[in-house]
């Protein structure tokens, strides 16, 4: 990370991942996601993230829609507020 720009190399979505914003916490390991492709999906927080990464409403995440049920997705990554601001500045998300 160069000090001048403050830009970090952030994880970008792979072919089967989309940016999403958490709109509602549904309890347990489920959240409601508003995805960048215009879909609203039920997001599942996998066990490997559940206790290490707190996910709150308004967080920007990477979601991977399920092949067999497009209305559901796994949450793969959560961006910090600073990272989300950078994604907005660079035009990746609204």
N, C-alpha and C. Protein backbone atom coordinates (compact mmCIF):
# COMPACT_ATOMS: atom_id res chain seq x y z
N UNK A 1 0.86 -1.19 0.00
CA UNK A 1 0.00 0.00 0.00
C UNK A 1 0.89 1.23 0.00
N UNK A 2 0.74 2.06 -0.99
CA UNK A 2 1.56 3.27 -1.02
C UNK A 2 0.90 4.32 -0.14
N UNK A 3 1.70 5.06 0.56
CA UNK A 3 1.18 6.02 1.53
C UNK A 3 0.39 7.14 0.85
N UNK A 4 0.83 7.56 -0.36
CA UNK A 4 0.19 8.71 -1.00
C UNK A 4 -1.26 8.42 -1.36
N UNK A 5 -1.46 7.34 -2.09
CA UNK A 5 -2.81 7.10 -2.59
C UNK A 5 -3.71 6.50 -1.52
N UNK A 6 -3.13 5.73 -0.61
CA UNK A 6 -3.95 5.06 0.39
C UNK A 6 -4.79 3.95 -0.22
N UNK A 7 -4.50 3.59 -1.47
CA UNK A 7 -5.29 2.56 -2.15
C UNK A 7 -4.78 1.19 -1.76
N UNK A 8 -5.72 0.31 -1.47
CA UNK A 8 -5.35 -1.06 -1.15
C UNK A 8 -5.83 -1.97 -2.25
N UNK A 9 -5.13 -3.07 -2.44
CA UNK A 9 -5.60 -4.08 -3.39
C UNK A 9 -6.66 -4.90 -2.69
N UNK A 10 -7.89 -4.73 -3.13
CA UNK A 10 -9.01 -5.41 -2.48
C UNK A 10 -9.38 -6.67 -3.25
N UNK A 11 -9.96 -7.57 -2.52
CA UNK A 11 -10.45 -8.78 -3.18
C UNK A 11 -11.62 -8.40 -4.09
N UNK A 12 -11.51 -8.81 -5.35
CA UNK A 12 -12.57 -8.53 -6.32
C UNK A 12 -13.36 -9.81 -6.57
N UNK A 13 -14.61 -9.66 -7.02
CA UNK A 13 -15.43 -10.86 -7.23
C UNK A 13 -14.88 -11.73 -8.35
N UNK A 14 -14.91 -13.04 -8.13
CA UNK A 14 -14.57 -13.96 -9.22
C UNK A 14 -15.80 -14.07 -10.12
N UNK A 15 -15.73 -14.95 -11.11
CA UNK A 15 -16.81 -15.03 -12.10
C UNK A 15 -18.18 -15.31 -11.48
N UNK A 16 -18.19 -16.11 -10.42
CA UNK A 16 -19.48 -16.50 -9.85
C UNK A 16 -19.81 -15.74 -8.57
N UNK A 17 -19.14 -14.63 -8.31
CA UNK A 17 -19.42 -13.83 -7.11
C UNK A 17 -19.94 -12.45 -7.50
N UNK A 18 -20.74 -11.85 -6.61
CA UNK A 18 -21.26 -10.50 -6.84
C UNK A 18 -21.09 -9.69 -5.56
N UNK A 19 -20.98 -8.36 -5.72
CA UNK A 19 -21.02 -7.47 -4.56
C UNK A 19 -22.44 -7.46 -4.04
N UNK A 20 -22.58 -7.32 -2.72
CA UNK A 20 -23.91 -7.23 -2.13
C UNK A 20 -23.83 -6.38 -0.87
N UNK A 21 -24.99 -5.83 -0.49
CA UNK A 21 -25.09 -5.06 0.75
C UNK A 21 -26.06 -5.80 1.66
N UNK A 22 -25.68 -5.96 2.92
CA UNK A 22 -26.55 -6.62 3.89
C UNK A 22 -27.68 -5.65 4.26
N UNK A 23 -28.93 -6.04 4.00
CA UNK A 23 -30.04 -5.14 4.30
C UNK A 23 -30.76 -5.53 5.58
N UNK A 24 -30.58 -6.77 6.01
CA UNK A 24 -31.32 -7.22 7.20
C UNK A 24 -30.61 -8.43 7.78
N UNK A 25 -30.53 -8.48 9.10
CA UNK A 25 -29.97 -9.66 9.78
C UNK A 25 -31.15 -10.53 10.20
N UNK A 26 -31.18 -11.75 9.73
CA UNK A 26 -32.35 -12.61 9.96
C UNK A 26 -32.16 -13.56 11.14
N UNK A 27 -31.06 -13.41 11.85
CA UNK A 27 -30.84 -14.30 12.99
C UNK A 27 -30.09 -15.55 12.55
N UNK A 28 -29.45 -16.19 13.50
CA UNK A 28 -28.66 -17.36 13.17
C UNK A 28 -27.55 -16.95 12.22
N UNK A 29 -27.37 -17.70 11.16
CA UNK A 29 -26.31 -17.37 10.22
C UNK A 29 -26.89 -16.92 8.88
N UNK A 30 -28.06 -16.24 8.92
CA UNK A 30 -28.69 -15.80 7.69
C UNK A 30 -28.87 -14.28 7.66
N UNK A 31 -28.67 -13.71 6.47
CA UNK A 31 -28.87 -12.28 6.26
C UNK A 31 -29.62 -12.09 4.94
N UNK A 32 -30.25 -10.93 4.80
CA UNK A 32 -30.89 -10.57 3.53
C UNK A 32 -29.88 -9.71 2.78
N UNK A 33 -29.65 -10.03 1.50
CA UNK A 33 -28.66 -9.32 0.70
C UNK A 33 -29.31 -8.62 -0.49
N UNK A 34 -28.87 -7.40 -0.76
CA UNK A 34 -29.24 -6.72 -1.99
C UNK A 34 -28.00 -6.77 -2.89
N UNK A 35 -28.08 -7.59 -3.94
CA UNK A 35 -26.91 -7.86 -4.76
C UNK A 35 -26.78 -6.84 -5.90
N UNK A 36 -25.55 -6.69 -6.38
CA UNK A 36 -25.26 -5.71 -7.42
C UNK A 36 -25.96 -6.04 -8.74
N UNK A 37 -26.36 -7.28 -8.93
CA UNK A 37 -27.06 -7.65 -10.17
C UNK A 37 -28.56 -7.37 -10.08
N UNK A 38 -28.98 -6.69 -9.00
CA UNK A 38 -30.39 -6.31 -8.87
C UNK A 38 -31.24 -7.30 -8.11
N UNK A 39 -30.70 -8.47 -7.79
CA UNK A 39 -31.46 -9.50 -7.08
C UNK A 39 -31.39 -9.26 -5.57
N UNK A 40 -32.43 -9.70 -4.87
CA UNK A 40 -32.40 -9.78 -3.41
C UNK A 40 -32.29 -11.25 -3.07
N UNK A 41 -31.29 -11.59 -2.26
CA UNK A 41 -31.06 -13.01 -1.95
C UNK A 41 -30.99 -13.23 -0.46
N UNK A 42 -31.24 -14.47 -0.06
CA UNK A 42 -31.02 -14.90 1.31
C UNK A 42 -29.56 -15.32 1.40
N UNK A 43 -28.81 -14.64 2.25
CA UNK A 43 -27.39 -14.95 2.38
C UNK A 43 -27.13 -15.84 3.58
N UNK A 44 -26.24 -16.80 3.39
CA UNK A 44 -25.86 -17.71 4.46
C UNK A 44 -24.42 -17.41 4.84
N UNK A 45 -24.19 -17.19 6.12
CA UNK A 45 -22.83 -16.94 6.60
C UNK A 45 -22.23 -18.29 6.95
N UNK A 46 -21.17 -18.71 6.26
CA UNK A 46 -20.59 -20.02 6.55
C UNK A 46 -19.93 -20.05 7.92
N UNK A 47 -19.81 -21.24 8.46
CA UNK A 47 -19.25 -21.41 9.80
C UNK A 47 -17.87 -20.81 9.96
N UNK A 48 -17.06 -20.84 8.89
CA UNK A 48 -15.69 -20.33 9.01
C UNK A 48 -15.68 -18.82 9.23
N UNK A 49 -16.78 -18.13 8.90
CA UNK A 49 -16.85 -16.68 9.11
C UNK A 49 -17.69 -16.31 10.32
N UNK A 50 -18.55 -17.23 10.73
CA UNK A 50 -19.61 -16.89 11.66
C UNK A 50 -19.13 -16.20 12.93
N UNK A 51 -18.09 -16.72 13.55
CA UNK A 51 -17.66 -16.16 14.83
C UNK A 51 -16.47 -15.23 14.68
N UNK A 52 -15.77 -15.30 13.54
CA UNK A 52 -14.59 -14.46 13.36
C UNK A 52 -14.92 -13.12 12.74
N UNK A 53 -15.95 -13.07 11.93
CA UNK A 53 -16.28 -11.86 11.18
C UNK A 53 -17.69 -11.45 11.53
N UNK A 54 -17.84 -10.32 12.22
CA UNK A 54 -19.19 -9.86 12.53
C UNK A 54 -19.76 -9.15 11.32
N UNK A 55 -20.94 -9.56 10.92
CA UNK A 55 -21.57 -8.97 9.75
C UNK A 55 -22.81 -8.22 10.21
N UNK A 56 -22.89 -6.95 9.87
CA UNK A 56 -24.00 -6.10 10.31
C UNK A 56 -24.74 -5.55 9.10
N UNK A 57 -25.92 -4.98 9.37
CA UNK A 57 -26.69 -4.35 8.30
C UNK A 57 -25.87 -3.20 7.73
N UNK A 58 -25.91 -3.07 6.42
CA UNK A 58 -25.17 -2.00 5.75
C UNK A 58 -23.77 -2.41 5.31
N UNK A 59 -23.30 -3.58 5.76
CA UNK A 59 -21.96 -4.03 5.36
C UNK A 59 -21.95 -4.42 3.88
N UNK A 60 -20.84 -4.14 3.22
CA UNK A 60 -20.64 -4.58 1.84
C UNK A 60 -19.92 -5.93 1.90
N UNK A 61 -20.46 -6.91 1.19
CA UNK A 61 -19.90 -8.26 1.21
C UNK A 61 -19.76 -8.77 -0.22
N UNK A 62 -19.01 -9.86 -0.36
CA UNK A 62 -18.99 -10.61 -1.61
C UNK A 62 -19.90 -11.81 -1.39
N UNK A 63 -20.82 -12.02 -2.31
CA UNK A 63 -21.73 -13.16 -2.19
C UNK A 63 -21.57 -14.06 -3.41
N UNK A 64 -21.70 -15.34 -3.16
CA UNK A 64 -21.65 -16.30 -4.27
C UNK A 64 -23.00 -16.99 -4.37
N UNK A 65 -23.83 -16.59 -5.37
CA UNK A 65 -25.15 -17.22 -5.52
C UNK A 65 -25.01 -18.73 -5.74
N UNK A 66 -25.97 -19.45 -5.18
CA UNK A 66 -25.96 -20.91 -5.34
C UNK A 66 -26.32 -21.28 -6.77
N UNK A 67 -25.64 -22.28 -7.30
CA UNK A 67 -25.94 -22.75 -8.66
C UNK A 67 -27.36 -23.28 -8.75
N UNK A 68 -27.78 -24.00 -7.74
CA UNK A 68 -29.05 -24.71 -7.81
C UNK A 68 -30.22 -23.91 -7.25
N UNK A 69 -29.95 -22.81 -6.54
CA UNK A 69 -31.02 -21.95 -6.03
C UNK A 69 -30.51 -20.53 -6.09
N UNK A 70 -30.86 -19.82 -7.16
CA UNK A 70 -30.28 -18.49 -7.38
C UNK A 70 -30.73 -17.48 -6.33
N UNK A 71 -31.84 -17.75 -5.65
CA UNK A 71 -32.33 -16.78 -4.65
C UNK A 71 -31.55 -16.87 -3.34
N UNK A 72 -30.59 -17.78 -3.27
CA UNK A 72 -29.76 -17.91 -2.07
C UNK A 72 -28.30 -17.74 -2.45
N UNK A 73 -27.50 -17.33 -1.46
CA UNK A 73 -26.08 -17.10 -1.73
C UNK A 73 -25.27 -17.31 -0.46
N UNK A 74 -24.02 -17.69 -0.63
CA UNK A 74 -23.10 -17.74 0.50
C UNK A 74 -22.36 -16.42 0.60
N UNK A 75 -22.18 -15.93 1.81
CA UNK A 75 -21.37 -14.74 2.03
C UNK A 75 -19.92 -15.22 2.06
N UNK A 76 -19.09 -14.72 1.14
CA UNK A 76 -17.72 -15.19 1.02
C UNK A 76 -16.71 -14.26 1.68
N UNK A 77 -17.05 -12.96 1.79
CA UNK A 77 -16.06 -11.98 2.24
C UNK A 77 -16.81 -10.76 2.73
N UNK A 78 -16.29 -10.11 3.77
CA UNK A 78 -16.86 -8.84 4.22
C UNK A 78 -15.79 -7.77 4.08
N UNK A 79 -16.19 -6.64 3.50
CA UNK A 79 -15.27 -5.51 3.36
C UNK A 79 -15.39 -4.60 4.58
N UNK A 80 -14.26 -4.03 5.00
CA UNK A 80 -14.30 -3.02 6.06
C UNK A 80 -14.94 -1.76 5.49
N UNK A 81 -15.31 -0.82 6.36
CA UNK A 81 -15.91 0.43 5.89
C UNK A 81 -14.97 1.18 4.95
N UNK A 82 -13.66 1.16 5.29
CA UNK A 82 -12.69 1.86 4.44
C UNK A 82 -12.62 1.21 3.06
N UNK A 83 -12.61 -0.13 3.05
CA UNK A 83 -12.55 -0.84 1.77
C UNK A 83 -13.82 -0.57 0.94
N UNK A 84 -14.97 -0.53 1.61
CA UNK A 84 -16.23 -0.25 0.91
C UNK A 84 -16.21 1.16 0.32
N UNK A 85 -15.64 2.12 1.05
CA UNK A 85 -15.53 3.49 0.53
C UNK A 85 -14.66 3.51 -0.72
N UNK A 86 -13.56 2.75 -0.69
CA UNK A 86 -12.68 2.68 -1.85
C UNK A 86 -13.41 2.06 -3.05
N UNK A 87 -14.19 1.01 -2.80
CA UNK A 87 -14.94 0.37 -3.89
C UNK A 87 -15.93 1.37 -4.50
N UNK A 88 -16.55 2.20 -3.65
CA UNK A 88 -17.48 3.21 -4.15
C UNK A 88 -16.75 4.26 -4.97
N UNK A 89 -15.61 4.72 -4.46
CA UNK A 89 -14.82 5.74 -5.18
C UNK A 89 -14.40 5.23 -6.56
N UNK A 90 -14.05 3.95 -6.62
CA UNK A 90 -13.56 3.39 -7.88
C UNK A 90 -14.71 2.92 -8.79
N UNK A 91 -15.93 3.09 -8.32
CA UNK A 91 -17.08 2.80 -9.18
C UNK A 91 -17.47 1.34 -9.26
N UNK A 92 -16.96 0.50 -8.35
CA UNK A 92 -17.35 -0.91 -8.39
C UNK A 92 -18.75 -1.13 -7.82
N UNK A 93 -19.10 -0.30 -6.83
CA UNK A 93 -20.43 -0.41 -6.22
C UNK A 93 -21.04 0.97 -6.11
N UNK A 94 -22.35 1.03 -5.89
CA UNK A 94 -23.06 2.30 -5.77
C UNK A 94 -22.82 2.93 -4.42
